[in-house]
Amino acid sequence: DLWIFLRQLTGLEDINTAKDYVWQNAGKYGLEEFRREEVALLLGAMVRWSEKARMTGLLSSTKLCAIKEDGKSMEFLLSNNEKIWLSTDDMSEEEDLWKWLLDLSRVPSES
C-alpha cells in the first residue's frame, strides 16, 4: 500500500541534503546525538527515494541510532526493536515516490 509511505512525505525532502547530513554526521552514534527535526528530513528522504528503505520497514517514526565513519551507512531502530542498516547509496531518483503521489492526487507533473 503506497499510502503508508506517501502520508509520510512533506514535500521538503531533498536527496542531496540528506546525503550531506549523513556525511557531516559520520561517526556519531546514540539516539541523543541526532536532532529530531534533522532526522525527520533524513527519514523522509530515505522513504521517498529508497525502495530498500520502504521494504525494510523504515517509517518517519524510526529512530536513527548511528552513522558509520564512511559517511554513508546508517543504523536505524524500528518500532519492533529490530535494527536495520541502510546507505545513502540506496537512494536514487528512479525510486522517487513523489510521481505516485502526483498521479494518485491527479496533479499534473511539472515538465
C-alpha atoms as a PDB file:
ATOM      1  CA  ASP A   1       0.000   0.000   0.000  1.00  0.00           C
ATOM      2  CA  LEU A   2       1.702   3.172  -1.207  1.00  0.00           C
ATOM      3  CA  TRP A   3      -0.360   5.414   1.073  1.00  0.00           C
ATOM      4  CA  ILE A   4       1.567   4.143   4.107  1.00  0.00           C
ATOM      5  CA  PHE A   5       4.643   5.818   2.666  1.00  0.00           C
ATOM      6  CA  LEU A   6       3.030   8.708   0.814  1.00  0.00           C
ATOM      7  CA  ARG A   7       1.461  10.029   4.022  1.00  0.00           C
ATOM      8  CA  GLN A   8       4.949  10.460   5.461  1.00  0.00           C
ATOM      9  CA  LEU A   9       6.175  12.796   2.740  1.00  0.00           C
ATOM     10  CA  THR A  10       6.205  16.536   3.344  1.00  0.00           C
ATOM     11  CA  GLY A  11       7.487  17.779   0.011  1.00  0.00           C
ATOM     12  CA  LEU A  12      10.587  19.143   1.755  1.00  0.00           C
ATOM     13  CA  GLU A  13      12.672  16.027   1.137  1.00  0.00           C
ATOM     14  CA  ASP A  14      15.916  16.617  -0.714  1.00  0.00           C
ATOM     15  CA  ILE A  15      18.192  13.748  -1.705  1.00  0.00           C
ATOM     16  CA  ASN A  16      21.400  15.812  -1.712  1.00  0.00           C
ATOM     17  CA  THR A  17      20.657  17.445   1.629  1.00  0.00           C
ATOM     18  CA  ALA A  18      20.049  14.001   3.147  1.00  0.00           C
ATOM     19  CA  LYS A  19      23.376  12.718   1.815  1.00  0.00           C
ATOM     20  CA  ASP A  20      25.172  15.837   3.105  1.00  0.00           C
ATOM     21  CA  TYR A  21      23.595  15.418   6.555  1.00  0.00           C
ATOM     22  CA  VAL A  22      24.820  11.828   6.785  1.00  0.00           C
ATOM     23  CA  TRP A  23      28.292  12.807   5.595  1.00  0.00           C
ATOM     24  CA  GLN A  24      28.550  15.658   8.128  1.00  0.00           C
ATOM     25  CA  ASN A  25      27.454  13.397  10.993  1.00  0.00           C
ATOM     26  CA  ALA A  26      29.740  10.466  10.160  1.00  0.00           C
ATOM     27  CA  GLY A  27      30.941   8.614  13.235  1.00  0.00           C
ATOM     28  CA  LYS A  28      28.121   9.688  15.535  1.00  0.00           C
ATOM     29  CA  TYR A  29      26.139   7.139  17.498  1.00  0.00           C
ATOM     30  CA  GLY A  30      23.460   7.214  20.173  1.00  0.00           C
ATOM     31  CA  LEU A  31      19.889   8.410  19.892  1.00  0.00           C
ATOM     32  CA  GLU A  32      20.694  11.636  21.746  1.00  0.00           C
ATOM     33  CA  GLU A  33      23.292  12.630  19.123  1.00  0.00           C
ATOM     34  CA  PHE A  34      20.743  13.411  16.425  1.00  0.00           C
ATOM     35  CA  ARG A  35      18.256  16.288  16.391  1.00  0.00           C
ATOM     36  CA  ARG A  36      14.681  15.163  15.809  1.00  0.00           C
ATOM     37  CA  GLU A  37      13.944  17.738  13.097  1.00  0.00           C
ATOM     38  CA  GLU A  38      17.020  16.814  11.076  1.00  0.00           C
ATOM     39  CA  VAL A  39      16.327  13.100  11.417  1.00  0.00           C
ATOM     40  CA  ALA A  40      12.742  13.682  10.229  1.00  0.00           C
ATOM     41  CA  LEU A  41      14.064  15.200   6.986  1.00  0.00           C
ATOM     42  CA  LEU A  42      16.539  12.333   6.563  1.00  0.00           C
ATOM     43  CA  LEU A  43      13.832   9.719   7.139  1.00  0.00           C
ATOM     44  CA  GLY A  44      11.522  11.460   4.692  1.00  0.00           C
ATOM     45  CA  ALA A  45      14.241  11.432   2.046  1.00  0.00           C
ATOM     46  CA  MET A  46      15.009   7.762   2.655  1.00  0.00           C
ATOM     47  CA  VAL A  47      11.318   6.846   2.429  1.00  0.00           C
ATOM     48  CA  ARG A  48      10.859   8.974  -0.681  1.00  0.00           C
ATOM     49  CA  TRP A  49      13.901   7.812  -2.665  1.00  0.00           C
ATOM     50  CA  SER A  50      14.721   4.299  -1.416  1.00  0.00           C
ATOM     51  CA  GLU A  51      12.720   1.194  -2.242  1.00  0.00           C
ATOM     52  CA  LYS A  52      15.018  -0.754   0.073  1.00  0.00           C
ATOM     53  CA  ALA A  53      14.201   1.586   2.962  1.00  0.00           C
ATOM     54  CA  ARG A  54      10.485   1.199   2.337  1.00  0.00           C
ATOM     55  CA  MET A  55      10.688  -2.596   2.055  1.00  0.00           C
ATOM     56  CA  THR A  56      12.682  -2.929   5.293  1.00  0.00           C
ATOM     57  CA  GLY A  57      10.001  -1.002   7.171  1.00  0.00           C
ATOM     58  CA  LEU A  58      11.568   2.439   7.565  1.00  0.00           C
ATOM     59  CA  LEU A  59       8.955   4.975   8.687  1.00  0.00           C
ATOM     60  CA  SER A  60       9.004   8.572   9.853  1.00  0.00           C
ATOM     61  CA  SER A  61       8.856   7.259  13.435  1.00  0.00           C
ATOM     62  CA  THR A  62      12.012   5.131  13.064  1.00  0.00           C
ATOM     63  CA  LYS A  63      14.956   6.090  15.287  1.00  0.00           C
ATOM     64  CA  LEU A  64      18.403   6.888  13.882  1.00  0.00           C
ATOM     65  CA  CYS A  65      20.985   5.150  16.089  1.00  0.00           C
ATOM     66  CA  ALA A  66      24.307   5.623  14.316  1.00  0.00           C
ATOM     67  CA  ILE A  67      26.097   6.827  11.229  1.00  0.00           C
ATOM     68  CA  LYS A  68      29.282   4.962  10.338  1.00  0.00           C
ATOM     69  CA  GLU A  69      32.553   6.748   9.708  1.00  0.00           C
ATOM     70  CA  ASP A  70      32.167   6.114   5.964  1.00  0.00           C
ATOM     71  CA  GLY A  71      29.532   8.876   5.851  1.00  0.00           C
ATOM     72  CA  LYS A  72      27.047   6.619   4.056  1.00  0.00           C
ATOM     73  CA  SER A  73      25.906   3.753   6.303  1.00  0.00           C
ATOM     74  CA  MET A  74      23.207   4.362   8.905  1.00  0.00           C
ATOM     75  CA  GLU A  75      21.802   2.176  11.656  1.00  0.00           C
ATOM     76  CA  PHE A  76      18.102   2.545  12.411  1.00  0.00           C
ATOM     77  CA  LEU A  77      15.918   1.096  15.169  1.00  0.00           C
ATOM     78  CA  LEU A  78      12.447   0.048  14.032  1.00  0.00           C
ATOM     79  CA  SER A  79       9.426   0.162  16.345  1.00  0.00           C
ATOM     80  CA  ASN A  80       9.718  -3.625  16.891  1.00  0.00           C
ATOM     81  CA  ASN A  81      13.299  -3.063  18.201  1.00  0.00           C
ATOM     82  CA  GLU A  82      14.818  -4.606  15.074  1.00  0.00           C
ATOM     83  CA  LYS A  83      17.959  -2.857  13.847  1.00  0.00           C
ATOM     84  CA  ILE A  84      18.491  -2.274  10.148  1.00  0.00           C
ATOM     85  CA  TRP A  85      21.363  -0.780   8.160  1.00  0.00           C
ATOM     86  CA  LEU A  86      20.786   1.430   5.151  1.00  0.00           C
ATOM     87  CA  SER A  87      23.081   3.518   2.991  1.00  0.00           C
ATOM     88  CA  THR A  88      22.744   6.816   1.211  1.00  0.00           C
ATOM     89  CA  ASP A  89      23.622   4.774  -1.895  1.00  0.00           C
ATOM     90  CA  ASP A  90      20.192   3.130  -1.502  1.00  0.00           C
ATOM     91  CA  MET A  91      18.534   6.403  -2.554  1.00  0.00           C
ATOM     92  CA  SER A  92      18.025   7.106  -6.243  1.00  0.00           C
ATOM     93  CA  GLU A  93      15.972   9.478  -8.374  1.00  0.00           C
ATOM     94  CA  GLU A  94      14.419   6.495 -10.173  1.00  0.00           C
ATOM     95  CA  GLU A  95      12.787   5.293  -6.937  1.00  0.00           C
ATOM     96  CA  ASP A  96      11.100   8.634  -6.148  1.00  0.00           C
ATOM     97  CA  LEU A  97       7.610   8.175  -4.699  1.00  0.00           C
ATOM     98  CA  TRP A  98       6.549  11.743  -5.490  1.00  0.00           C
ATOM     99  CA  LYS A  99       5.426  10.811  -9.010  1.00  0.00           C
ATOM    100  CA  TRP A 100       2.961   8.312  -7.481  1.00  0.00           C
ATOM    101  CA  LEU A 101       1.601  10.944  -5.121  1.00  0.00           C
ATOM    102  CA  LEU A 102       1.040  13.323  -8.032  1.00  0.00           C
ATOM    103  CA  ASP A 103      -0.593  10.600 -10.082  1.00  0.00           C
ATOM    104  CA  LEU A 104      -2.900   9.460  -7.273  1.00  0.00           C
ATOM    105  CA  SER A 105      -3.756  13.064  -6.422  1.00  0.00           C
ATOM    106  CA  ARG A 106      -4.383  13.809 -10.095  1.00  0.00           C
ATOM    107  CA  VAL A 107      -1.936  16.704 -10.039  1.00  0.00           C
ATOM    108  CA  PRO A 108      -0.140  17.376 -13.336  1.00  0.00           C
ATOM    109  CA  SER A 109       3.607  16.986 -13.048  1.00  0.00           C
ATOM    110  CA  GLU A 110       5.893  19.867 -13.982  1.00  0.00           C
ATOM    111  CA  SER A 111       7.824  19.352 -17.183  1.00  0.00           C
END
